[in-house]
Amino acid sequence: MATAPKLLTAEEFQLLGLENAELVKGELVEYMRPTPEHGEIAGRLITYLNLWLSKNKLGRAGTDGGFVLGRNPDIVRGPDVWFLRNERIPQDTSRFWEVAPDLVVEIISPSDTANVVKGKLSDYLAAGTSLVWLVYPVYRQVEAHRSGQRTLIFTESDTLEAPDLLPGFRCKVSDLFGE
């Protein structure tokens, strides 16, 4: 009889120091390093967010980083880009943050399966993330997901906004893809 693999905790996972991995229901999930295009898109969006934050100081934004989204079994996700309001930033910033970001951006790579994307989206929304933007470089579109609401699709001619969460933030979808 086969024995079930030992499930890792967020703390054990952090000690491994892996860059291209997440913890999903206690199990280590490794993934391919993203393409440079992926990094360019993340860089453009974090630049827009940081310029917006420099004017209003409503929170912090970053790329990657570990967020504990669930316990027993533990879930640790590392969004491509994230935003967290000031009042929700943990005191101890030396560990994975045990809070769901207010905004999560996932840039969808060609190697991402529908199940992987759906799993990430479900984990973020279940943990309390207010807004998830799924960026599809192949289609040059962004899907906006909120719990219990219809999915909105933004095309290159649209402007990303979220006045309730990011008051005054605006970014043309076409600007994410350069050119």
Protein backbone atom coordinates (compact mmCIF):
# COMPACT_ATOMS: atom_id res chain seq x y z
CA MET A 1 0.00 0.00 0.00
CA ALA A 2 1.38 3.41 -1.03
CA THR A 3 1.68 6.07 1.61
CA ALA A 4 0.58 9.61 0.96
CA PRO A 5 3.40 12.13 0.52
CA LYS A 6 4.13 14.36 3.50
CA LEU A 7 2.43 17.70 3.06
CA LEU A 8 4.60 20.76 3.55
CA THR A 9 3.72 23.78 5.65
CA ALA A 10 4.27 27.31 4.36
CA GLU A 11 7.22 27.62 6.74
CA GLU A 12 8.86 24.41 5.46
CA PHE A 13 8.25 25.53 1.88
CA GLN A 14 9.87 28.92 2.50
CA LEU A 15 13.00 27.22 3.87
CA LEU A 16 13.45 25.39 0.55
CA GLY A 17 14.20 28.74 -1.13
CA LEU A 18 12.75 27.71 -4.48
CA GLU A 19 12.07 30.49 -7.00
CA ASN A 20 9.90 28.70 -9.54
CA ALA A 21 7.48 26.91 -7.27
CA GLU A 22 4.29 27.33 -5.29
CA LEU A 23 2.70 25.31 -2.51
CA VAL A 24 -0.74 24.01 -3.45
CA LYS A 25 -2.65 22.17 -0.73
CA GLY A 26 0.62 21.24 0.93
CA GLU A 27 2.23 19.89 -2.23
CA LEU A 28 5.19 21.43 -4.01
CA VAL A 29 4.33 22.53 -7.56
CA GLU A 30 7.28 23.58 -9.71
CA TYR A 31 6.86 25.47 -12.97
CA MET A 32 8.93 26.66 -15.90
CA ARG A 33 10.73 29.95 -15.78
CA PRO A 34 8.63 32.52 -17.69
CA THR A 35 9.66 34.15 -20.95
CA PRO A 36 11.24 37.60 -21.17
CA GLU A 37 7.93 38.90 -22.63
CA HIS A 38 6.27 37.83 -19.37
CA GLY A 39 8.81 39.86 -17.40
CA GLU A 40 8.36 42.89 -19.65
CA ILE A 41 4.61 42.91 -19.11
CA ALA A 42 5.02 42.52 -15.34
CA GLY A 43 7.61 45.32 -15.39
CA ARG A 44 5.33 47.67 -17.27
CA LEU A 45 2.38 47.05 -14.98
CA ILE A 46 4.39 47.37 -11.76
CA THR A 47 5.79 50.65 -13.10
CA TYR A 48 2.25 51.99 -13.61
CA LEU A 49 1.22 50.81 -10.14
CA ASN A 50 4.29 52.31 -8.46
CA LEU A 51 3.83 55.65 -10.24
CA TRP A 52 0.23 55.66 -9.02
CA LEU A 53 1.36 54.74 -5.49
CA SER A 54 3.97 57.51 -5.45
CA LYS A 55 1.09 60.00 -5.65
CA ASN A 56 -1.41 58.49 -3.23
CA LYS A 57 0.49 56.20 -0.79
CA LEU A 58 -2.48 53.81 -0.43
CA GLY A 59 -0.44 50.63 -0.13
CA ARG A 60 2.41 48.62 -1.56
CA ALA A 61 2.88 46.75 -4.81
CA GLY A 62 5.42 44.24 -6.00
CA THR A 63 6.24 41.33 -8.22
CA ASP A 64 6.37 37.71 -7.09
CA GLY A 65 6.59 37.19 -3.33
CA GLY A 66 4.90 34.48 -1.28
CA PHE A 67 1.37 34.87 0.07
CA VAL A 68 -0.13 32.24 2.37
CA LEU A 69 -3.70 31.83 1.11
CA GLY A 70 -4.74 28.84 3.19
CA ARG A 71 -3.73 26.51 6.01
CA ASN A 72 -4.09 22.77 6.66
CA PRO A 73 -3.14 22.00 3.95
CA ASP A 74 -1.15 25.15 3.23
CA ILE A 75 -1.40 27.16 0.02
CA VAL A 76 1.34 29.63 -0.92
CA ARG A 77 1.01 31.49 -4.20
CA GLY A 78 3.37 33.99 -5.81
CA PRO A 79 1.45 36.35 -8.09
CA ASP A 80 3.28 37.97 -10.98
CA VAL A 81 2.18 41.41 -9.72
CA TRP A 82 0.31 42.30 -6.53
CA PHE A 83 -1.08 45.27 -4.59
CA LEU A 84 -1.95 45.37 -0.89
CA ARG A 85 -3.60 48.29 0.94
CA ASN A 86 -1.62 49.84 3.80
CA GLU A 87 -3.97 48.69 6.55
CA ARG A 88 -3.53 45.06 5.51
CA ILE A 89 0.28 44.93 5.35
CA PRO A 90 1.58 42.47 7.97
CA GLN A 91 3.89 43.61 10.76
CA ASP A 92 6.46 40.86 10.06
CA THR A 93 7.54 41.34 6.46
CA SER A 94 10.46 38.88 6.65
CA ARG A 95 8.25 35.84 5.99
CA PHE A 96 5.58 34.94 3.48
CA TRP A 97 2.68 37.26 4.14
CA GLU A 98 -0.35 35.52 5.60
CA VAL A 99 -2.86 37.67 3.73
CA ALA A 100 -4.40 37.64 0.28
CA PRO A 101 -3.35 40.60 -1.88
CA ASP A 102 -6.12 43.08 -2.73
CA LEU A 103 -5.11 42.92 -6.40
CA VAL A 104 -3.42 39.99 -8.10
CA VAL A 105 -2.13 39.98 -11.66
CA GLU A 106 -1.25 36.71 -13.33
CA ILE A 107 0.36 36.83 -16.77
CA ILE A 108 -0.73 33.72 -18.61
CA SER A 109 2.10 31.84 -20.28
CA PRO A 110 1.62 29.49 -23.25
CA SER A 111 2.58 26.59 -20.95
CA ASP A 112 -0.21 27.39 -18.43
CA THR A 113 -3.09 24.95 -18.63
CA ALA A 114 -6.69 25.96 -18.03
CA ASN A 115 -6.65 23.89 -14.82
CA VAL A 116 -3.59 25.72 -13.50
CA VAL A 117 -5.08 29.14 -14.28
CA LYS A 118 -8.46 28.19 -12.77
CA GLY A 119 -6.73 26.80 -9.66
CA LYS A 120 -4.81 30.02 -9.07
CA LEU A 121 -7.88 32.17 -9.68
CA SER A 122 -9.98 30.05 -7.30
CA ASP A 123 -7.31 30.15 -4.57
CA TYR A 124 -6.97 33.94 -4.74
CA LEU A 125 -10.71 34.67 -4.73
CA ALA A 126 -11.41 32.11 -1.97
CA ALA A 127 -8.70 33.72 0.19
CA GLY A 128 -10.28 37.18 -0.18
CA THR A 129 -8.48 38.84 -3.08
CA SER A 130 -10.78 41.62 -4.33
CA LEU A 131 -9.66 41.67 -7.95
CA VAL A 132 -7.67 39.32 -10.18
CA TRP A 133 -6.43 40.47 -13.58
CA LEU A 134 -5.46 37.63 -15.91
CA VAL A 135 -3.26 39.02 -18.67
CA TYR A 136 -3.28 37.07 -21.94
CA PRO A 137 -0.33 38.25 -24.11
CA VAL A 138 -1.31 35.96 -27.00
CA TYR A 139 -4.73 37.64 -27.24
CA ARG A 140 -3.54 41.03 -25.96
CA GLN A 141 -6.40 41.05 -23.47
CA VAL A 142 -6.96 41.24 -19.73
CA GLU A 143 -9.74 39.43 -17.87
CA ALA A 144 -10.94 41.02 -14.63
CA HIS A 145 -12.34 38.60 -12.05
CA ARG A 146 -14.16 39.45 -8.82
CA SER A 147 -15.90 36.97 -6.54
CA GLY A 148 -19.58 36.56 -7.44
CA GLN A 149 -19.40 38.96 -10.41
CA ARG A 150 -19.27 38.60 -14.16
CA THR A 151 -15.86 38.44 -15.79
CA LEU A 152 -14.94 41.63 -17.64
CA ILE A 153 -12.70 41.46 -20.70
CA PHE A 154 -10.47 44.40 -21.56
CA THR A 155 -9.02 44.61 -25.08
CA GLU A 156 -6.15 46.74 -26.37
CA SER A 157 -8.41 49.73 -26.92
CA ASP A 158 -9.62 49.65 -23.28
CA THR A 159 -8.18 51.18 -20.11
CA LEU A 160 -7.67 49.15 -16.96
CA GLU A 161 -9.30 50.80 -13.98
CA ALA A 162 -10.59 49.73 -10.58
CA PRO A 163 -11.89 52.93 -8.93
CA ASP A 164 -13.06 51.16 -5.76
CA LEU A 165 -9.67 49.56 -5.15
CA LEU A 166 -7.21 51.76 -7.06
CA PRO A 167 -8.81 55.22 -7.17
CA GLY A 168 -7.29 57.26 -9.99
CA PHE A 169 -5.25 54.38 -11.45
CA ARG A 170 -5.46 54.08 -15.23
CA CYS A 171 -3.44 51.97 -17.65
CA LYS A 172 -4.20 51.40 -21.30
CA VAL A 173 -4.20 47.68 -22.04
CA SER A 174 -2.15 48.32 -25.19
CA ASP A 175 0.60 49.86 -23.01
CA LEU A 176 1.09 46.51 -21.24
CA PHE A 177 2.21 44.92 -24.48
CA GLY A 178 4.56 47.67 -25.66
CA GLU A 179 5.08 48.64 -29.28
